[in-house]
Amino acid sequence: MRRENSRSISEVIKELIEAYKLNDKLIESRIIISWKEVAGEYIAKHTNKVYIKDKVLYVKIHSSIIKQELRMVHDDLLNKINTLAGSQYIKRIIFI
């Protein structure tokens, strides 16, 4: 039997995420974790670090050739990442 004031777990979790303002961090974590899926396994192997600051995705690549190739497909990668995020969260990608 369900009480009148009871809520589902998903409702409570959503409220907690909003109350503690964790939504941006969850989106950022999802983006960083999915870099391998977005960029591909080969590029992920050459990636040293992925992080987000001020809605800019920074990707540290140790190969200058791969960096240049990624710059050429920047817009496609940006679209894939934002589709995954569910909004236009990332403004641009910088390959360092």
PDB file of N, CA and C in Angstrom:
ATOM      1  N   MET A   1       0.842  -1.175   0.000  1.00  0.00           N
ATOM      2  CA  MET A   1       0.000   0.000   0.000  1.00  0.00           C
ATOM      3  C   MET A   1       0.891   1.244   0.000  1.00  0.00           C
ATOM      4  N   ARG A   2       0.558   2.177  -0.861  1.00  0.00           N
ATOM      5  CA  ARG A   2       1.355   3.383  -1.019  1.00  0.00           C
ATOM      6  C   ARG A   2       0.724   4.553  -0.276  1.00  0.00           C
ATOM      7  N   ARG A   3       1.521   5.275   0.437  1.00  0.00           N
ATOM      8  CA  ARG A   3       1.023   6.441   1.162  1.00  0.00           C
ATOM      9  C   ARG A   3       0.801   7.592   0.198  1.00  0.00           C
ATOM     10  N   GLU A   4      -0.028   8.532   0.583  1.00  0.00           N
ATOM     11  CA  GLU A   4      -0.336   9.664  -0.295  1.00  0.00           C
ATOM     12  C   GLU A   4       0.866  10.576  -0.497  1.00  0.00           C
ATOM     13  N   ASN A   5       1.694  10.730   0.499  1.00  0.00           N
ATOM     14  CA  ASN A   5       2.825  11.649   0.370  1.00  0.00           C
ATOM     15  C   ASN A   5       4.102  10.949  -0.086  1.00  0.00           C
ATOM     16  N   SER A   6       4.021   9.704  -0.487  1.00  0.00           N
ATOM     17  CA  SER A   6       5.213   8.990  -0.941  1.00  0.00           C
ATOM     18  C   SER A   6       5.514   9.353  -2.401  1.00  0.00           C
ATOM     19  N   ARG A   7       6.816   9.307  -2.713  1.00  0.00           N
ATOM     20  CA  ARG A   7       7.263   9.633  -4.067  1.00  0.00           C
ATOM     21  C   ARG A   7       8.178   8.527  -4.560  1.00  0.00           C
ATOM     22  N   SER A   8       8.341   8.473  -5.854  1.00  0.00           N
ATOM     23  CA  SER A   8       9.235   7.460  -6.406  1.00  0.00           C
ATOM     24  C   SER A   8      10.681   7.869  -6.155  1.00  0.00           C
ATOM     25  N   ILE A   9      11.557   6.888  -6.225  1.00  0.00           N
ATOM     26  CA  ILE A   9      12.982   7.153  -6.013  1.00  0.00           C
ATOM     27  C   ILE A   9      13.498   8.117  -7.065  1.00  0.00           C
ATOM     28  N   SER A  10      13.071   7.968  -8.311  1.00  0.00           N
ATOM     29  CA  SER A  10      13.554   8.860  -9.374  1.00  0.00           C
ATOM     30  C   SER A  10      13.153  10.312  -9.110  1.00  0.00           C
ATOM     31  N   GLU A  11      11.974  10.538  -8.558  1.00  0.00           N
ATOM     32  CA  GLU A  11      11.560  11.901  -8.213  1.00  0.00           C
ATOM     33  C   GLU A  11      12.448  12.484  -7.116  1.00  0.00           C
ATOM     34  N   VAL A  12      12.742  11.677  -6.128  1.00  0.00           N
ATOM     35  CA  VAL A  12      13.590  12.128  -5.021  1.00  0.00           C
ATOM     36  C   VAL A  12      15.002  12.433  -5.517  1.00  0.00           C
ATOM     37  N   ILE A  13      15.533  11.570  -6.387  1.00  0.00           N
ATOM     38  CA  ILE A  13      16.876  11.795  -6.927  1.00  0.00           C
ATOM     39  C   ILE A  13      16.908  13.077  -7.752  1.00  0.00           C
ATOM     40  N   LYS A  14      15.912  13.309  -8.576  1.00  0.00           N
ATOM     41  CA  LYS A  14      15.847  14.545  -9.372  1.00  0.00           C
ATOM     42  C   LYS A  14      15.816  15.777  -8.471  1.00  0.00           C
ATOM     43  N   GLU A  15      15.056  15.699  -7.401  1.00  0.00           N
ATOM     44  CA  GLU A  15      14.987  16.815  -6.456  1.00  0.00           C
ATOM     45  C   GLU A  15      16.340  17.065  -5.784  1.00  0.00           C
ATOM     46  N   LEU A  16      17.021  15.987  -5.426  1.00  0.00           N
ATOM     47  CA  LEU A  16      18.345  16.132  -4.805  1.00  0.00           C
ATOM     48  C   LEU A  16      19.353  16.734  -5.784  1.00  0.00           C
ATOM     49  N   ILE A  17      19.320  16.293  -7.021  1.00  0.00           N
ATOM     50  CA  ILE A  17      20.224  16.834  -8.041  1.00  0.00           C
ATOM     51  C   ILE A  17      19.992  18.329  -8.210  1.00  0.00           C
ATOM     52  N   GLU A  18      18.735  18.727  -8.251  1.00  0.00           N
ATOM     53  CA  GLU A  18      18.419  20.149  -8.375  1.00  0.00           C
ATOM     54  C   GLU A  18      18.814  20.920  -7.114  1.00  0.00           C
ATOM     55  N   ALA A  19      18.534  20.358  -5.961  1.00  0.00           N
ATOM     56  CA  ALA A  19      18.818  21.047  -4.700  1.00  0.00           C
ATOM     57  C   ALA A  19      20.309  21.276  -4.509  1.00  0.00           C
ATOM     58  N   TYR A  20      21.117  20.301  -4.897  1.00  0.00           N
ATOM     59  CA  TYR A  20      22.563  20.428  -4.732  1.00  0.00           C
ATOM     60  C   TYR A  20      23.271  20.931  -5.994  1.00  0.00           C
ATOM     61  N   LYS A  21      22.480  21.314  -6.989  1.00  0.00           N
ATOM     62  CA  LYS A  21      23.000  21.873  -8.256  1.00  0.00           C
ATOM     63  C   LYS A  21      24.075  20.974  -8.861  1.00  0.00           C
ATOM     64  N   LEU A  22      23.721  19.711  -9.035  1.00  0.00           N
ATOM     65  CA  LEU A  22      24.658  18.720  -9.560  1.00  0.00           C
ATOM     66  C   LEU A  22      24.450  18.407 -11.037  1.00  0.00           C
ATOM     67  N   ASN A  23      23.454  18.986 -11.658  1.00  0.00           N
ATOM     68  CA  ASN A  23      23.124  18.641 -13.035  1.00  0.00           C
ATOM     69  C   ASN A  23      24.301  18.880 -13.983  1.00  0.00           C
ATOM     70  N   ASP A  24      24.953  20.042 -13.879  1.00  0.00           N
ATOM     71  CA  ASP A  24      26.089  20.334 -14.755  1.00  0.00           C
ATOM     72  C   ASP A  24      27.213  19.323 -14.567  1.00  0.00           C
ATOM     73  N   LYS A  25      27.502  18.969 -13.330  1.00  0.00           N
ATOM     74  CA  LYS A  25      28.563  18.002 -13.067  1.00  0.00           C
ATOM     75  C   LYS A  25      28.220  16.619 -13.632  1.00  0.00           C
ATOM     76  N   LEU A  26      26.958  16.249 -13.574  1.00  0.00           N
ATOM     77  CA  LEU A  26      26.545  14.968 -14.137  1.00  0.00           C
ATOM     78  C   LEU A  26      26.691  14.973 -15.658  1.00  0.00           C
ATOM     79  N   ILE A  27      26.300  16.068 -16.293  1.00  0.00           N
ATOM     80  CA  ILE A  27      26.459  16.189 -17.747  1.00  0.00           C
ATOM     81  C   ILE A  27      27.936  16.123 -18.112  1.00  0.00           C
ATOM     82  N   GLU A  28      28.777  16.861 -17.395  1.00  0.00           N
ATOM     83  CA  GLU A  28      30.211  16.866 -17.673  1.00  0.00           C
ATOM     84  C   GLU A  28      30.819  15.474 -17.499  1.00  0.00           C
ATOM     85  N   SER A  29      30.424  14.786 -16.466  1.00  0.00           N
ATOM     86  CA  SER A  29      30.930  13.429 -16.242  1.00  0.00           C
ATOM     87  C   SER A  29      30.526  12.507 -17.383  1.00  0.00           C
ATOM     88  N   ARG A  30      29.281  12.620 -17.828  1.00  0.00           N
ATOM     89  CA  ARG A  30      28.794  11.795 -18.932  1.00  0.00           C
ATOM     90  C   ARG A  30      29.601  12.068 -20.199  1.00  0.00           C
ATOM     91  N   ILE A  31      29.898  13.331 -20.462  1.00  0.00           N
ATOM     92  CA  ILE A  31      30.665  13.706 -21.657  1.00  0.00           C
ATOM     93  C   ILE A  31      32.083  13.140 -21.577  1.00  0.00           C
ATOM     94  N   ILE A  32      32.733  13.318 -20.449  1.00  0.00           N
ATOM     95  CA  ILE A  32      34.114  12.851 -20.293  1.00  0.00           C
ATOM     96  C   ILE A  32      34.195  11.330 -20.408  1.00  0.00           C
ATOM     97  N   ILE A  33      33.281  10.650 -19.776  1.00  0.00           N
ATOM     98  CA  ILE A  33      33.272   9.187 -19.824  1.00  0.00           C
ATOM     99  C   ILE A  33      33.022   8.679 -21.236  1.00  0.00           C
ATOM    100  N   SER A  34      32.231   9.403 -22.006  1.00  0.00           N
ATOM    101  CA  SER A  34      31.872   8.934 -23.343  1.00  0.00           C
ATOM    102  C   SER A  34      32.831   9.399 -24.438  1.00  0.00           C
ATOM    103  N   TRP A  35      33.948  10.053 -24.088  1.00  0.00           N
ATOM    104  CA  TRP A  35      34.900  10.524 -25.098  1.00  0.00           C
ATOM    105  C   TRP A  35      35.354   9.380 -26.008  1.00  0.00           C
ATOM    106  N   LYS A  36      35.630   8.228 -25.429  1.00  0.00           N
ATOM    107  CA  LYS A  36      36.090   7.075 -26.216  1.00  0.00           C
ATOM    108  C   LYS A  36      35.034   6.690 -27.257  1.00  0.00           C
ATOM    109  N   GLU A  37      33.784   6.699 -26.859  1.00  0.00           N
ATOM    110  CA  GLU A  37      32.687   6.355 -27.769  1.00  0.00           C
ATOM    111  C   GLU A  37      32.538   7.405 -28.872  1.00  0.00           C
ATOM    112  N   VAL A  38      32.653   8.660 -28.514  1.00  0.00           N
ATOM    113  CA  VAL A  38      32.467   9.758 -29.475  1.00  0.00           C
ATOM    114  C   VAL A  38      33.624   9.820 -30.463  1.00  0.00           C
ATOM    115  N   ALA A  39      34.841   9.754 -29.967  1.00  0.00           N
ATOM    116  CA  ALA A  39      36.018   9.946 -30.814  1.00  0.00           C
ATOM    117  C   ALA A  39      36.488   8.654 -31.476  1.00  0.00           C
ATOM    118  N   GLY A  40      36.183   7.542 -30.874  1.00  0.00           N
ATOM    119  CA  GLY A  40      36.656   6.272 -31.393  1.00  0.00           C
ATOM    120  C   GLY A  40      37.806   5.740 -30.560  1.00  0.00           C
ATOM    121  N   GLU A  41      37.963   4.453 -30.606  1.00  0.00           N
ATOM    122  CA  GLU A  41      38.957   3.799 -29.754  1.00  0.00           C
ATOM    123  C   GLU A  41      40.390   4.210 -30.100  1.00  0.00           C
ATOM    124  N   TYR A  42      40.696   4.344 -31.384  1.00  0.00           N
ATOM    125  CA  TYR A  42      42.050   4.715 -31.795  1.00  0.00           C
ATOM    126  C   TYR A  42      42.445   6.076 -31.230  1.00  0.00           C
ATOM    127  N   ILE A  43      41.565   7.059 -31.374  1.00  0.00           N
ATOM    128  CA  ILE A  43      41.846   8.411 -30.865  1.00  0.00           C
ATOM    129  C   ILE A  43      41.895   8.392 -29.340  1.00  0.00           C
ATOM    130  N   ALA A  44      41.019   7.635 -28.720  1.00  0.00           N
ATOM    131  CA  ALA A  44      41.011   7.547 -27.259  1.00  0.00           C
ATOM    132  C   ALA A  44      42.331   7.006 -26.728  1.00  0.00           C
ATOM    133  N   LYS A  45      42.973   6.106 -27.476  1.00  0.00           N
ATOM    134  CA  LYS A  45      44.267   5.571 -27.054  1.00  0.00           C
ATOM    135  C   LYS A  45      45.342   6.654 -27.036  1.00  0.00           C
ATOM    136  N   HIS A  46      45.193   7.653 -27.883  1.00  0.00           N
ATOM    137  CA  HIS A  46      46.166   8.742 -27.977  1.00  0.00           C
ATOM    138  C   HIS A  46      45.764   9.961 -27.141  1.00  0.00           C
ATOM    139  N   THR A  47      44.719   9.813 -26.363  1.00  0.00           N
ATOM    140  CA  THR A  47      44.241  10.898 -25.515  1.00  0.00           C
ATOM    141  C   THR A  47      44.849  10.755 -24.127  1.00  0.00           C
ATOM    142  N   ASN A  48      45.477  11.830 -23.656  1.00  0.00           N
ATOM    143  CA  ASN A  48      46.075  11.809 -22.321  1.00  0.00           C
ATOM    144  C   ASN A  48      45.106  12.272 -21.248  1.00  0.00           C
ATOM    145  N   LYS A  49      44.329  13.287 -21.560  1.00  0.00           N
ATOM    146  CA  LYS A  49      43.450  13.866 -20.553  1.00  0.00           C
ATOM    147  C   LYS A  49      42.254  14.530 -21.232  1.00  0.00           C
ATOM    148  N   VAL A  50      41.099  14.431 -20.593  1.00  0.00           N
ATOM    149  CA  VAL A  50      39.880  15.086 -21.069  1.00  0.00           C
ATOM    150  C   VAL A  50      39.255  15.777 -19.867  1.00  0.00           C
ATOM    151  N   TYR A  51      38.993  17.081 -20.003  1.00  0.00           N
ATOM    152  CA  TYR A  51      38.333  17.800 -18.916  1.00  0.00           C
ATOM    153  C   TYR A  51      37.523  18.960 -19.488  1.00  0.00           C
ATOM    154  N   ILE A  52      36.636  19.489 -18.663  1.00  0.00           N
ATOM    155  CA  ILE A  52      35.747  20.564 -19.067  1.00  0.00           C
ATOM    156  C   ILE A  52      35.932  21.732 -18.117  1.00  0.00           C
ATOM    157  N   LYS A  53      36.059  22.920 -18.693  1.00  0.00           N
ATOM    158  CA  LYS A  53      36.152  24.143 -17.906  1.00  0.00           C
ATOM    159  C   LYS A  53      35.365  25.223 -18.639  1.00  0.00           C
ATOM    160  N   ASP A  54      34.436  25.835 -17.943  1.00  0.00           N
ATOM    161  CA  ASP A  54      33.599  26.899 -18.510  1.00  0.00           C
ATOM    162  C   ASP A  54      32.921  26.472 -19.810  1.00  0.00           C
ATOM    163  N   LYS A  55      32.403  25.251 -19.812  1.00  0.00           N
ATOM    164  CA  LYS A  55      31.672  24.675 -20.938  1.00  0.00           C
ATOM    165  C   LYS A  55      32.512  24.539 -22.207  1.00  0.00           C
ATOM    166  N   VAL A  56      33.824  24.442 -22.025  1.00  0.00           N
ATOM    167  CA  VAL A  56      34.760  24.153 -23.113  1.00  0.00           C
ATOM    168  C   VAL A  56      35.398  22.803 -22.800  1.00  0.00           C
ATOM    169  N   LEU A  57      35.372  21.910 -23.771  1.00  0.00           N
ATOM    170  CA  LEU A  57      35.968  20.586 -23.608  1.00  0.00           C
ATOM    171  C   LEU A  57      37.427  20.655 -24.051  1.00  0.00           C
ATOM    172  N   TYR A  58      38.330  20.331 -23.143  1.00  0.00           N
ATOM    173  CA  TYR A  58      39.757  20.299 -23.433  1.00  0.00           C
ATOM    174  C   TYR A  58      40.180  18.845 -23.565  1.00  0.00           C
ATOM    175  N   VAL A  59      40.859  18.545 -24.671  1.00  0.00           N
ATOM    176  CA  VAL A  59      41.317  17.183 -24.920  1.00  0.00           C
ATOM    177  C   VAL A  59      42.814  17.240 -25.192  1.00  0.00           C
ATOM    178  N   LYS A  60      43.579  16.595 -24.331  1.00  0.00           N
ATOM    179  CA  LYS A  60      45.027  16.579 -24.487  1.00  0.00           C
ATOM    180  C   LYS A  60      45.407  15.340 -25.299  1.00  0.00           C
ATOM    181  N   ILE A  61      45.995  15.604 -26.457  1.00  0.00           N
ATOM    182  CA  ILE A  61      46.398  14.553 -27.389  1.00  0.00           C
ATOM    183  C   ILE A  61      47.911  14.634 -27.562  1.00  0.00           C
ATOM    184  N   HIS A  62      48.602  13.512 -27.514  1.00  0.00           N
ATOM    185  CA  HIS A  62      50.054  13.557 -27.636  1.00  0.00           C
ATOM    186  C   HIS A  62      50.552  13.436 -29.073  1.00  0.00           C
ATOM    187  N   SER A  63      49.669  13.352 -30.045  1.00  0.00           N
ATOM    188  CA  SER A  63      50.070  13.263 -31.446  1.00  0.00           C
ATOM    189  C   SER A  63      49.600  14.513 -32.192  1.00  0.00           C
ATOM    190  N   SER A  64      50.547  15.259 -32.760  1.00  0.00           N
ATOM    191  CA  SER A  64      50.181  16.477 -33.487  1.00  0.00           C
ATOM    192  C   SER A  64      49.371  16.159 -34.741  1.00  0.00           C
ATOM    193  N   ILE A  65      49.598  15.020 -35.344  1.00  0.00           N
ATOM    194  CA  ILE A  65      48.843  14.624 -36.538  1.00  0.00           C
ATOM    195  C   ILE A  65      47.383  14.374 -36.183  1.00  0.00           C
ATOM    196  N   ILE A  66      47.163  13.664 -35.092  1.00  0.00           N
ATOM    197  CA  ILE A  66      45.785  13.394 -34.661  1.00  0.00           C
ATOM    198  C   ILE A  66      45.098  14.690 -34.239  1.00  0.00           C
ATOM    199  N   LYS A  67      45.822  15.581 -33.567  1.00  0.00           N
ATOM    200  CA  LYS A  67      45.246  16.886 -33.195  1.00  0.00           C
ATOM    201  C   LYS A  67      44.738  17.612 -34.430  1.00  0.00           C
ATOM    202  N   GLN A  68      45.528  17.641 -35.467  1.00  0.00           N
ATOM    203  CA  GLN A  68      45.143  18.338 -36.686  1.00  0.00           C
ATOM    204  C   GLN A  68      43.913  17.688 -37.325  1.00  0.00           C
ATOM    205  N   GLU A  69      43.883  16.376 -37.352  1.00  0.00           N
ATOM    206  CA  GLU A  69      42.722  15.674 -37.901  1.00  0.00           C
ATOM    207  C   GLU A  69      41.467  15.979 -37.089  1.00  0.00           C
ATOM    208  N   LEU A  70      41.606  16.033 -35.766  1.00  0.00           N
ATOM    209  CA  LEU A  70      40.461  16.332 -34.906  1.00  0.00           C
ATOM    210  C   LEU A  70      39.975  17.765 -35.110  1.00  0.00           C
ATOM    211  N   ARG A  71      40.881  18.676 -35.338  1.00  0.00           N
ATOM    212  CA  ARG A  71      40.482  20.068 -35.604  1.00  0.00           C
ATOM    213  C   ARG A  71      39.620  20.149 -36.861  1.00  0.00           C
ATOM    214  N   MET A  72      39.904  19.298 -37.834  1.00  0.00           N
ATOM    215  CA  MET A  72      39.137  19.320 -39.078  1.00  0.00           C
ATOM    216  C   MET A  72      37.722  18.779 -38.886  1.00  0.00           C
ATOM    217  N   VAL A  73      37.516  17.917 -37.906  1.00  0.00           N
ATOM    218  CA  VAL A  73      36.178  17.357 -37.661  1.00  0.00           C
ATOM    219  C   VAL A  73      35.573  17.914 -36.364  1.00  0.00           C
ATOM    220  N   HIS A  74      36.061  19.056 -35.933  1.00  0.00           N
ATOM    221  CA  HIS A  74      35.629  19.694 -34.688  1.00  0.00           C
ATOM    222  C   HIS A  74      34.107  19.798 -34.602  1.00  0.00           C
ATOM    223  N   ASP A  75      33.486  20.332 -35.644  1.00  0.00           N
ATOM    224  CA  ASP A  75      32.041  20.556 -35.598  1.00  0.00           C
ATOM    225  C   ASP A  75      31.257  19.253 -35.469  1.00  0.00           C
ATOM    226  N   ASP A  76      31.693  18.213 -36.156  1.00  0.00           N
ATOM    227  CA  ASP A  76      31.021  16.918 -36.048  1.00  0.00           C
ATOM    228  C   ASP A  76      31.144  16.354 -34.635  1.00  0.00           C
ATOM    229  N   LEU A  77      32.342  16.437 -34.064  1.00  0.00           N
ATOM    230  CA  LEU A  77      32.539  15.959 -32.692  1.00  0.00           C
ATOM    231  C   LEU A  77      31.694  16.763 -31.707  1.00  0.00           C
ATOM    232  N   LEU A  78      31.660  18.071 -31.896  1.00  0.00           N
ATOM    233  CA  LEU A  78      30.870  18.937 -31.019  1.00  0.00           C
ATOM    234  C   LEU A  78      29.391  18.558 -31.074  1.00  0.00           C
ATOM    235  N   ASN A  79      28.891  18.309 -32.272  1.00  0.00           N
ATOM    236  CA  ASN A  79      27.483  17.901 -32.413  1.00  0.00           C
ATOM    237  C   ASN A  79      27.218  16.566 -31.729  1.00  0.00           C
ATOM    238  N   LYS A  80      28.126  15.603 -31.893  1.00  0.00           N
ATOM    239  CA  LYS A  80      27.959  14.295 -31.237  1.00  0.00           C
ATOM    240  C   LYS A  80      27.941  14.437 -29.721  1.00  0.00           C
ATOM    241  N   ILE A  81      28.858  15.239 -29.207  1.00  0.00           N
ATOM    242  CA  ILE A  81      28.953  15.423 -27.762  1.00  0.00           C
ATOM    243  C   ILE A  81      27.705  16.091 -27.213  1.00  0.00           C
ATOM    244  N   ASN A  82      27.236  17.134 -27.879  1.00  0.00           N
ATOM    245  CA  ASN A  82      26.050  17.837 -27.400  1.00  0.00           C
ATOM    246  C   ASN A  82      24.786  17.003 -27.557  1.00  0.00           C
ATOM    247  N   THR A  83      24.735  16.156 -28.566  1.00  0.00           N
ATOM    248  CA  THR A  83      23.609  15.236 -28.696  1.00  0.00           C
ATOM    249  C   THR A  83      23.596  14.280 -27.516  1.00  0.00           C
ATOM    250  N   LEU A  84      24.756  13.790 -27.158  1.00  0.00           N
ATOM    251  CA  LEU A  84      24.881  12.899 -26.012  1.00  0.00           C
ATOM    252  C   LEU A  84      24.479  13.609 -24.718  1.00  0.00           C
ATOM    253  N   ALA A  85      24.850  14.879 -24.599  1.00  0.00           N
ATOM    254  CA  ALA A  85      24.532  15.651 -23.395  1.00  0.00           C
ATOM    255  C   ALA A  85      23.053  16.014 -23.330  1.00  0.00           C
ATOM    256  N   GLY A  86      22.375  15.999 -24.464  1.00  0.00           N
ATOM    257  CA  GLY A  86      20.955  16.338 -24.486  1.00  0.00           C
ATOM    258  C   GLY A  86      20.688  17.823 -24.592  1.00  0.00           C
ATOM    259  N   SER A  87      21.739  18.615 -24.793  1.00  0.00           N
ATOM    260  CA  SER A  87      21.598  20.067 -24.962  1.00  0.00           C
ATOM    261  C   SER A  87      22.881  20.608 -25.565  1.00  0.00           C
ATOM    262  N   GLN A  88      22.889  21.868 -25.886  1.00  0.00           N
ATOM    263  CA  GLN A  88      24.094  22.512 -26.426  1.00  0.00           C
ATOM    264  C   GLN A  88      24.987  22.937 -25.265  1.00  0.00           C
ATOM    265  N   TYR A  89      25.442  21.973 -24.494  1.00  0.00           N
ATOM    266  CA  TYR A  89      26.201  22.238 -23.276  1.00  0.00           C
ATOM    267  C   TYR A  89      27.629  22.700 -23.571  1.00  0.00           C
ATOM    268  N   ILE A  90      28.324  21.973 -24.428  1.00  0.00           N
ATOM    269  CA  ILE A  90      29.707  22.299 -24.764  1.00  0.00           C
ATOM    270  C   ILE A  90      29.717  23.342 -25.878  1.00  0.00           C
ATOM    271  N   LYS A  91      30.449  24.420 -25.682  1.00  0.00           N
ATOM    272  CA  LYS A  91      30.506  25.511 -26.643  1.00  0.00           C
ATOM    273  C   LYS A  91      31.553  25.267 -27.718  1.00  0.00           C
ATOM    274  N   ARG A  92      32.686  24.660 -27.319  1.00  0.00           N
ATOM    275  CA  ARG A  92      33.730  24.321 -28.287  1.00  0.00           C
ATOM    276  C   ARG A  92      34.677  23.311 -27.674  1.00  0.00           C
ATOM    277  N   ILE A  93      35.525  22.766 -28.540  1.00  0.00           N
ATOM    278  CA  ILE A  93      36.515  21.770 -28.125  1.00  0.00           C
ATOM    279  C   ILE A  93      37.893  22.342 -28.450  1.00  0.00           C
ATOM    280  N   ILE A  94      38.790  22.239 -27.508  1.00  0.00           N
ATOM    281  CA  ILE A  94      40.163  22.672 -27.719  1.00  0.00           C
ATOM    282  C   ILE A  94      41.065  21.459 -27.559  1.00  0.00           C
ATOM    283  N   PHE A  95      41.863  21.204 -28.597  1.00  0.00           N
ATOM    284  CA  PHE A  95      42.790  20.085 -28.582  1.00  0.00           C
ATOM    285  C   PHE A  95      44.170  20.616 -28.204  1.00  0.00           C
ATOM    286  N   ILE A  96      44.696  20.123 -27.091  1.00  0.00           N
ATOM    287  CA  ILE A  96      45.979  20.614 -26.585  1.00  0.00           C
ATOM    288  C   ILE A  96      47.010  19.499 -26.543  1.00  0.00           C
TER     289      ILE A  96
END
